[in-house]
Amino acid sequence: MPYDLTISTSFSAAHSILIAGEPEPVHGHDWSVVVEVTSETLDRDGLACDFHELEAILARIVAPFHNANLNDVAPFNDVSPTAEHVARHIAESMSAALPGSVMLSFVRIGEAPGCEATYRPA
């Protein structure tokens, strides 16, 4: 039976995306990030993964975004910084850094209350 762990964080950042080919004005959000991982096994200490390790990985991934214009920060200097793209970037970065048998379930990004995008790796 799998074990699911969830962590969350937030950051403040601005962005401008294209909508119907037109750039919107640069504006800011307080972005929320929720990450869920899963593991089929526990280690000898009874942990799927240490929450602090997951939090440290996520903190490293989002650190460049804090108080930045996402359009100026890789990879969003080449990719439109939509909530969907931010979710995918964080998911791919988390997946590459996860320890042992831990696998990413999803990343959910909120850019405004009631406005969320979720990315689930295939």
C-alpha atoms as a PDB file:
ATOM      1  CA  MET A   1       0.000   0.000   0.000  1.00  0.00           C
ATOM      2  CA  PRO A   2       1.546   3.356  -0.966  1.00  0.00           C
ATOM      3  CA  TYR A   3       2.377   6.175   1.397  1.00  0.00           C
ATOM      4  CA  ASP A   4       1.667   9.735   0.225  1.00  0.00           C
ATOM      5  CA  LEU A   5       3.492  12.764   1.598  1.00  0.00           C
ATOM      6  CA  THR A   6       2.485  16.358   0.898  1.00  0.00           C
ATOM      7  CA  ILE A   7       4.533  19.523   1.377  1.00  0.00           C
ATOM      8  CA  SER A   8       3.775  23.100   0.481  1.00  0.00           C
ATOM      9  CA  THR A   9       5.427  26.482   0.181  1.00  0.00           C
ATOM     10  CA  SER A  10       4.797  29.843  -1.399  1.00  0.00           C
ATOM     11  CA  PHE A  11       6.667  32.612  -3.158  1.00  0.00           C
ATOM     12  CA  SER A  12       5.884  36.066  -4.487  1.00  0.00           C
ATOM     13  CA  ALA A  13       6.705  36.738  -8.126  1.00  0.00           C
ATOM     14  CA  ALA A  14       5.546  38.729 -11.121  1.00  0.00           C
ATOM     15  CA  HIS A  15       4.917  37.489 -14.647  1.00  0.00           C
ATOM     16  CA  SER A  16       3.396  38.343 -17.972  1.00  0.00           C
ATOM     17  CA  ILE A  17       1.946  35.688 -20.257  1.00  0.00           C
ATOM     18  CA  LEU A  18       0.534  35.680 -23.746  1.00  0.00           C
ATOM     19  CA  ILE A  19      -3.222  35.273 -23.987  1.00  0.00           C
ATOM     20  CA  ALA A  20      -4.571  34.820 -27.516  1.00  0.00           C
ATOM     21  CA  GLY A  21      -1.179  36.015 -28.763  1.00  0.00           C
ATOM     22  CA  GLU A  22      -1.316  39.266 -26.809  1.00  0.00           C
ATOM     23  CA  PRO A  23       0.982  39.968 -23.868  1.00  0.00           C
ATOM     24  CA  GLU A  24      -0.785  40.873 -20.672  1.00  0.00           C
ATOM     25  CA  PRO A  25       0.671  43.551 -18.371  1.00  0.00           C
ATOM     26  CA  VAL A  26       3.304  42.434 -15.892  1.00  0.00           C
ATOM     27  CA  HIS A  27       1.604  41.709 -12.579  1.00  0.00           C
ATOM     28  CA  GLY A  28       2.408  39.902  -9.359  1.00  0.00           C
ATOM     29  CA  HIS A  29       1.012  36.952  -7.448  1.00  0.00           C
ATOM     30  CA  ASP A  30       1.562  35.218  -4.173  1.00  0.00           C
ATOM     31  CA  TRP A  31       2.068  31.770  -5.670  1.00  0.00           C
ATOM     32  CA  SER A  32       1.239  28.673  -3.639  1.00  0.00           C
ATOM     33  CA  VAL A  33       2.937  25.347  -4.318  1.00  0.00           C
ATOM     34  CA  VAL A  34       1.716  21.936  -3.179  1.00  0.00           C
ATOM     35  CA  VAL A  35       3.800  18.842  -3.916  1.00  0.00           C
ATOM     36  CA  GLU A  36       2.675  15.279  -3.293  1.00  0.00           C
ATOM     37  CA  VAL A  37       5.034  12.314  -3.488  1.00  0.00           C
ATOM     38  CA  THR A  38       4.402   8.627  -2.990  1.00  0.00           C
ATOM     39  CA  SER A  39       6.408   5.601  -1.952  1.00  0.00           C
ATOM     40  CA  GLU A  40       5.533   1.930  -1.779  1.00  0.00           C
ATOM     41  CA  THR A  41       8.074   1.329   0.969  1.00  0.00           C
ATOM     42  CA  LEU A  42       9.322   2.764   4.225  1.00  0.00           C
ATOM     43  CA  ASP A  43      12.935   2.928   5.310  1.00  0.00           C
ATOM     44  CA  ARG A  44      14.229   1.289   8.494  1.00  0.00           C
ATOM     45  CA  ASP A  45      13.122   4.366  10.462  1.00  0.00           C
ATOM     46  CA  GLY A  46       9.544   4.003   9.203  1.00  0.00           C
ATOM     47  CA  LEU A  47       9.783   6.928   6.790  1.00  0.00           C
ATOM     48  CA  ALA A  48       8.844   7.111   3.131  1.00  0.00           C
ATOM     49  CA  CYS A  49      11.070  10.202   3.064  1.00  0.00           C
ATOM     50  CA  ASP A  50      12.040  12.870   5.563  1.00  0.00           C
ATOM     51  CA  PHE A  51       9.731  15.881   5.186  1.00  0.00           C
ATOM     52  CA  HIS A  52      12.708  18.186   5.769  1.00  0.00           C
ATOM     53  CA  GLU A  53      14.530  16.660   2.786  1.00  0.00           C
ATOM     54  CA  LEU A  54      11.506  17.233   0.553  1.00  0.00           C
ATOM     55  CA  GLU A  55      11.122  20.798   1.828  1.00  0.00           C
ATOM     56  CA  ALA A  56      14.811  21.519   1.149  1.00  0.00           C
ATOM     57  CA  ILE A  57      14.523  20.227  -2.422  1.00  0.00           C
ATOM     58  CA  LEU A  58      11.445  22.363  -3.070  1.00  0.00           C
ATOM     59  CA  ALA A  59      13.060  25.421  -1.460  1.00  0.00           C
ATOM     60  CA  ARG A  60      16.065  25.127  -3.807  1.00  0.00           C
ATOM     61  CA  ILE A  61      13.771  24.868  -6.834  1.00  0.00           C
ATOM     62  CA  VAL A  62      11.631  27.914  -6.038  1.00  0.00           C
ATOM     63  CA  ALA A  63      14.411  30.112  -4.562  1.00  0.00           C
ATOM     64  CA  PRO A  64      15.203  31.815  -7.919  1.00  0.00           C
ATOM     65  CA  PHE A  65      11.529  32.810  -8.257  1.00  0.00           C
ATOM     66  CA  HIS A  66      11.193  34.712  -4.949  1.00  0.00           C
ATOM     67  CA  ASN A  67      10.496  38.406  -5.596  1.00  0.00           C
ATOM     68  CA  ALA A  68      11.471  38.021  -9.262  1.00  0.00           C
ATOM     69  CA  ASN A  69       9.828  38.601 -12.597  1.00  0.00           C
ATOM     70  CA  LEU A  70       9.456  35.009 -13.814  1.00  0.00           C
ATOM     71  CA  ASN A  71       9.889  36.172 -17.404  1.00  0.00           C
ATOM     72  CA  ASP A  72      13.519  36.954 -16.509  1.00  0.00           C
ATOM     73  CA  VAL A  73      14.281  33.638 -14.746  1.00  0.00           C
ATOM     74  CA  ALA A  74      15.185  30.358 -16.472  1.00  0.00           C
ATOM     75  CA  PRO A  75      13.386  28.466 -17.852  1.00  0.00           C
ATOM     76  CA  PHE A  76      10.692  31.127 -18.159  1.00  0.00           C
ATOM     77  CA  ASN A  77      12.919  33.494 -20.077  1.00  0.00           C
ATOM     78  CA  ASP A  78      12.271  31.019 -22.942  1.00  0.00           C
ATOM     79  CA  VAL A  79       8.879  29.537 -21.914  1.00  0.00           C
ATOM     80  CA  SER A  80       5.753  31.491 -21.026  1.00  0.00           C
ATOM     81  CA  PRO A  81       5.459  31.484 -17.206  1.00  0.00           C
ATOM     82  CA  THR A  82       1.892  30.224 -17.046  1.00  0.00           C
ATOM     83  CA  ALA A  83       0.782  28.406 -13.905  1.00  0.00           C
ATOM     84  CA  GLU A  84       0.776  25.227 -15.983  1.00  0.00           C
ATOM     85  CA  HIS A  85       4.402  25.699 -17.039  1.00  0.00           C
ATOM     86  CA  VAL A  86       5.472  26.621 -13.508  1.00  0.00           C
ATOM     87  CA  ALA A  87       3.813  23.438 -12.208  1.00  0.00           C
ATOM     88  CA  ARG A  88       5.539  21.300 -14.845  1.00  0.00           C
ATOM     89  CA  HIS A  89       8.946  22.877 -14.196  1.00  0.00           C
ATOM     90  CA  ILE A  90       8.699  22.309 -10.452  1.00  0.00           C
ATOM     91  CA  ALA A  91       7.442  18.751 -11.023  1.00  0.00           C
ATOM     92  CA  GLU A  92      10.288  17.854 -13.363  1.00  0.00           C
ATOM     93  CA  SER A  93      12.854  19.435 -11.041  1.00  0.00           C
ATOM     94  CA  MET A  94      11.430  17.651  -7.993  1.00  0.00           C
ATOM     95  CA  SER A  95      11.287  14.305  -9.802  1.00  0.00           C
ATOM     96  CA  ALA A  96      14.956  14.553 -10.739  1.00  0.00           C
ATOM     97  CA  ALA A  97      15.959  15.199  -7.108  1.00  0.00           C
ATOM     98  CA  LEU A  98      13.775  12.731  -5.205  1.00  0.00           C
ATOM     99  CA  PRO A  99      15.553  10.079  -3.151  1.00  0.00           C
ATOM    100  CA  GLY A 100      15.209   6.300  -3.361  1.00  0.00           C
ATOM    101  CA  SER A 101      11.847   4.859  -4.237  1.00  0.00           C
ATOM    102  CA  VAL A 102       9.970   8.136  -3.793  1.00  0.00           C
ATOM    103  CA  MET A 103       8.012   9.215  -6.871  1.00  0.00           C
ATOM    104  CA  LEU A 104       6.213  12.458  -7.639  1.00  0.00           C
ATOM    105  CA  SER A 105       2.417  12.281  -7.708  1.00  0.00           C
ATOM    106  CA  PHE A 106       1.618  15.887  -8.595  1.00  0.00           C
ATOM    107  CA  VAL A 107       2.490  19.552  -8.242  1.00  0.00           C
ATOM    108  CA  ARG A 108      -0.313  22.077  -7.766  1.00  0.00           C
ATOM    109  CA  ILE A 109       0.305  25.774  -8.331  1.00  0.00           C
ATOM    110  CA  GLY A 110      -2.052  28.506  -7.201  1.00  0.00           C
ATOM    111  CA  GLU A 111      -1.494  31.961  -8.621  1.00  0.00           C
ATOM    112  CA  ALA A 112      -4.583  33.528  -7.080  1.00  0.00           C
ATOM    113  CA  PRO A 113      -7.303  32.324  -4.697  1.00  0.00           C
ATOM    114  CA  GLY A 114      -9.390  29.746  -6.521  1.00  0.00           C
ATOM    115  CA  CYS A 115      -7.031  29.606  -9.542  1.00  0.00           C
ATOM    116  CA  GLU A 116      -4.853  26.486  -9.550  1.00  0.00           C
ATOM    117  CA  ALA A 117      -3.038  24.354 -12.097  1.00  0.00           C
ATOM    118  CA  THR A 118      -2.002  20.771 -11.392  1.00  0.00           C
ATOM    119  CA  TYR A 119       0.687  18.807 -13.218  1.00  0.00           C
ATOM    120  CA  ARG A 120       0.886  15.031 -12.919  1.00  0.00           C
ATOM    121  CA  PRO A 121       3.842  13.327 -14.595  1.00  0.00           C
ATOM    122  CA  ALA A 122       3.009  10.562 -17.045  1.00  0.00           C
END
